[in-house]
PDB file of N, CA and C in Angstrom:
ATOM      1  N   MET A   1      13.689  -4.454  -7.707  1.00  0.00           N
ATOM      2  CA  MET A   1      12.049  -4.010  -9.074  1.00  0.00           C
ATOM      3  C   MET A   1      11.701  -3.207  -8.331  1.00  0.00           C
ATOM      4  N   ILE A   2      11.470  -2.316  -9.801  1.00  0.00           N
ATOM      5  CA  ILE A   2      11.329  -1.000  -9.616  1.00  0.00           C
ATOM      6  C   ILE A   2       9.216  -0.754  -9.878  1.00  0.00           C
ATOM      7  N   VAL A   3       8.829  -0.068  -8.793  1.00  0.00           N
ATOM      8  CA  VAL A   3       7.182  -0.180  -9.545  1.00  0.00           C
ATOM      9  C   VAL A   3       7.222   1.390  -9.711  1.00  0.00           C
ATOM     10  N   GLY A   4       6.242   1.666 -11.244  1.00  0.00           N
ATOM     11  CA  GLY A   4       6.214   2.950 -11.519  1.00  0.00           C
ATOM     12  C   GLY A   4       4.554   3.020 -12.153  1.00  0.00           C
ATOM     13  N   GLN A   5       3.573   4.226 -11.286  1.00  0.00           N
ATOM     14  CA  GLN A   5       2.356   4.840 -11.183  1.00  0.00           C
ATOM     15  C   GLN A   5       2.547   5.178 -13.153  1.00  0.00           C
ATOM     16  N   GLU A   6       2.212   4.235 -14.051  1.00  0.00           N
ATOM     17  CA  GLU A   6       1.252   4.532 -14.862  1.00  0.00           C
ATOM     18  C   GLU A   6       0.652   6.019 -15.251  1.00  0.00           C
ATOM     19  N   GLU A   7      -0.097   5.991 -14.370  1.00  0.00           N
ATOM     20  CA  GLU A   7      -1.080   6.655 -14.986  1.00  0.00           C
ATOM     21  C   GLU A   7      -2.253   7.415 -13.645  1.00  0.00           C
ATOM     22  N   GLN A   8      -2.375   8.551 -13.339  1.00  0.00           N
ATOM     23  CA  GLN A   8      -3.208   8.200 -11.817  1.00  0.00           C
ATOM     24  C   GLN A   8      -4.773   8.098 -11.938  1.00  0.00           C
ATOM     25  N   LYS A   9      -5.082   8.160 -13.113  1.00  0.00           N
ATOM     26  CA  LYS A   9      -6.203   7.902 -13.365  1.00  0.00           C
ATOM     27  C   LYS A   9      -6.407   6.180 -13.844  1.00  0.00           C
ATOM     28  N   THR A  10      -5.698   5.602 -13.960  1.00  0.00           N
ATOM     29  CA  THR A  10      -6.297   4.842 -14.569  1.00  0.00           C
ATOM     30  C   THR A  10      -5.871   3.432 -13.349  1.00  0.00           C
ATOM     31  N   LYS A  11      -5.296   4.010 -12.080  1.00  0.00           N
ATOM     32  CA  LYS A  11      -4.497   2.933 -11.733  1.00  0.00           C
ATOM     33  C   LYS A  11      -4.123   1.700 -11.702  1.00  0.00           C
ATOM     34  N   THR A  12      -3.271   1.788 -13.010  1.00  0.00           N
ATOM     35  CA  THR A  12      -2.371   0.687 -14.047  1.00  0.00           C
ATOM     36  C   THR A  12      -0.482   1.007 -13.940  1.00  0.00           C
ATOM     37  N   PHE A  13      -0.604   0.188 -12.973  1.00  0.00           N
ATOM     38  CA  PHE A  13       1.420   0.236 -12.612  1.00  0.00           C
ATOM     39  C   PHE A  13       2.284  -0.611 -13.678  1.00  0.00           C
ATOM     40  N   LYS A  14       2.929   0.211 -13.569  1.00  0.00           N
ATOM     41  CA  LYS A  14       4.475  -0.762 -14.532  1.00  0.00           C
ATOM     42  C   LYS A  14       5.057  -1.342 -13.383  1.00  0.00           C
ATOM     43  N   LEU A  15       5.796  -2.613 -13.989  1.00  0.00           N
ATOM     44  CA  LEU A  15       6.855  -3.479 -12.727  1.00  0.00           C
ATOM     45  C   LEU A  15       8.065  -3.529 -13.948  1.00  0.00           C
ATOM     46  N   LYS A  16       9.192  -3.003 -13.470  1.00  0.00           N
ATOM     47  CA  LYS A  16      10.521  -3.594 -13.878  1.00  0.00           C
ATOM     48  C   LYS A  16      10.728  -4.277 -13.282  1.00  0.00           C
ATOM     49  N   ASN A  17      11.189  -5.377 -13.639  1.00  0.00           N
ATOM     50  CA  ASN A  17      12.628  -6.199 -13.106  1.00  0.00           C
ATOM     51  C   ASN A  17      13.735  -6.411 -13.766  1.00  0.00           C
ATOM     52  N   LEU A  18      14.815  -5.747 -12.349  1.00  0.00           N
ATOM     53  CA  LEU A  18      15.196  -5.428 -12.669  1.00  0.00           C
ATOM     54  C   LEU A  18      16.978  -6.946 -13.058  1.00  0.00           C
ATOM     55  N   THR A  19      16.477  -7.557 -13.122  1.00  0.00           N
ATOM     56  CA  THR A  19      16.954  -8.886 -13.203  1.00  0.00           C
ATOM     57  C   THR A  19      17.277  -9.442 -14.638  1.00  0.00           C
ATOM     58  N   ASP A  20      16.296  -9.190 -15.216  1.00  0.00           N
ATOM     59  CA  ASP A  20      16.242  -9.506 -16.817  1.00  0.00           C
ATOM     60  C   ASP A  20      15.568  -8.190 -16.918  1.00  0.00           C
ATOM     61  N   SER A  21      15.328  -7.202 -16.658  1.00  0.00           N
ATOM     62  CA  SER A  21      14.481  -6.339 -17.323  1.00  0.00           C
ATOM     63  C   SER A  21      13.180  -6.377 -18.232  1.00  0.00           C
ATOM     64  N   SER A  22      12.310  -7.188 -17.825  1.00  0.00           N
ATOM     65  CA  SER A  22      11.281  -7.493 -18.413  1.00  0.00           C
ATOM     66  C   SER A  22       9.876  -6.396 -17.860  1.00  0.00           C
ATOM     67  N   GLU A  23       9.339  -5.715 -18.479  1.00  0.00           N
ATOM     68  CA  GLU A  23       8.537  -5.082 -18.003  1.00  0.00           C
ATOM     69  C   GLU A  23       6.747  -5.937 -17.994  1.00  0.00           C
ATOM     70  N   LYS A  24       5.496  -5.531 -17.001  1.00  0.00           N
ATOM     71  CA  LYS A  24       4.306  -5.734 -16.775  1.00  0.00           C
ATOM     72  C   LYS A  24       3.843  -5.138 -16.363  1.00  0.00           C
ATOM     73  N   THR A  25       2.431  -4.559 -17.201  1.00  0.00           N
ATOM     74  CA  THR A  25       1.011  -3.728 -16.453  1.00  0.00           C
ATOM     75  C   THR A  25       0.438  -4.310 -15.765  1.00  0.00           C
ATOM     76  N   LEU A  26       0.254  -3.790 -14.200  1.00  0.00           N
ATOM     77  CA  LEU A  26      -0.875  -4.517 -13.639  1.00  0.00           C
ATOM     78  C   LEU A  26      -2.265  -3.101 -13.089  1.00  0.00           C
ATOM     79  N   SER A  27      -3.044  -4.411 -12.798  1.00  0.00           N
ATOM     80  CA  SER A  27      -3.632  -3.150 -12.050  1.00  0.00           C
ATOM     81  C   SER A  27      -3.123  -2.408 -10.855  1.00  0.00           C
ATOM     82  N   GLU A  28      -4.084  -2.141 -10.429  1.00  0.00           N
ATOM     83  CA  GLU A  28      -4.334  -2.328  -8.418  1.00  0.00           C
ATOM     84  C   GLU A  28      -4.291  -3.514  -7.655  1.00  0.00           C
ATOM     85  N   LYS A  29      -5.591  -3.880  -8.405  1.00  0.00           N
ATOM     86  CA  LYS A  29      -5.784  -5.285  -8.067  1.00  0.00           C
ATOM     87  C   LYS A  29      -4.731  -6.363  -8.028  1.00  0.00           C
ATOM     88  N   GLU A  30      -3.871  -6.162  -9.072  1.00  0.00           N
ATOM     89  CA  GLU A  30      -2.744  -7.357  -8.911  1.00  0.00           C
ATOM     90  C   GLU A  30      -2.339  -7.057  -8.748  1.00  0.00           C
ATOM     91  N   LEU A  31      -1.487  -5.591  -8.581  1.00  0.00           N
ATOM     92  CA  LEU A  31      -0.059  -4.720  -7.722  1.00  0.00           C
ATOM     93  C   LEU A  31      -0.051  -6.048  -6.355  1.00  0.00           C
ATOM     94  N   VAL A  32      -1.804  -5.830  -5.449  1.00  0.00           N
ATOM     95  CA  VAL A  32      -1.968  -5.236  -4.387  1.00  0.00           C
ATOM     96  C   VAL A  32      -1.342  -7.221  -4.214  1.00  0.00           C
ATOM     97  N   GLU A  33      -2.347  -7.965  -5.000  1.00  0.00           N
ATOM     98  CA  GLU A  33      -1.599  -9.592  -4.927  1.00  0.00           C
ATOM     99  C   GLU A  33      -0.783 -10.566  -5.360  1.00  0.00           C
ATOM    100  N   PHE A  34      -0.319  -9.610  -6.172  1.00  0.00           N
ATOM    101  CA  PHE A  34       1.095  -9.811  -6.512  1.00  0.00           C
ATOM    102  C   PHE A  34       2.041  -9.308  -5.442  1.00  0.00           C
ATOM    103  N   LEU A  35       2.245  -8.306  -4.739  1.00  0.00           N
ATOM    104  CA  LEU A  35       3.233  -7.847  -3.963  1.00  0.00           C
ATOM    105  C   LEU A  35       2.666  -8.868  -2.374  1.00  0.00           C
ATOM    106  N   ASN A  36       1.377  -9.697  -1.553  1.00  0.00           N
ATOM    107  CA  ASN A  36       0.624 -10.372  -1.601  1.00  0.00           C
ATOM    108  C   ASN A  36       1.747 -11.616  -0.774  1.00  0.00           C
ATOM    109  N   GLY A  37       1.422 -12.250  -2.596  1.00  0.00           N
ATOM    110  CA  GLY A  37       1.922 -12.935  -2.960  1.00  0.00           C
ATOM    111  C   GLY A  37       3.749 -13.671  -3.607  1.00  0.00           C
ATOM    112  N   ARG A  38       4.311 -12.718  -2.438  1.00  0.00           N
ATOM    113  CA  ARG A  38       5.832 -12.515  -2.571  1.00  0.00           C
ATOM    114  C   ARG A  38       6.420 -13.789  -1.640  1.00  0.00           C
TER     115      ARG A  38
END
């Protein structure tokens, strides 16, 4: 799983799943919830 920051200002992060190449864009709050929920 690769997490890349889309834009410094907007605090949105792009998650790329390496197993199925899916991508989703999360806000900083959603990213924290996602990482804590694993």
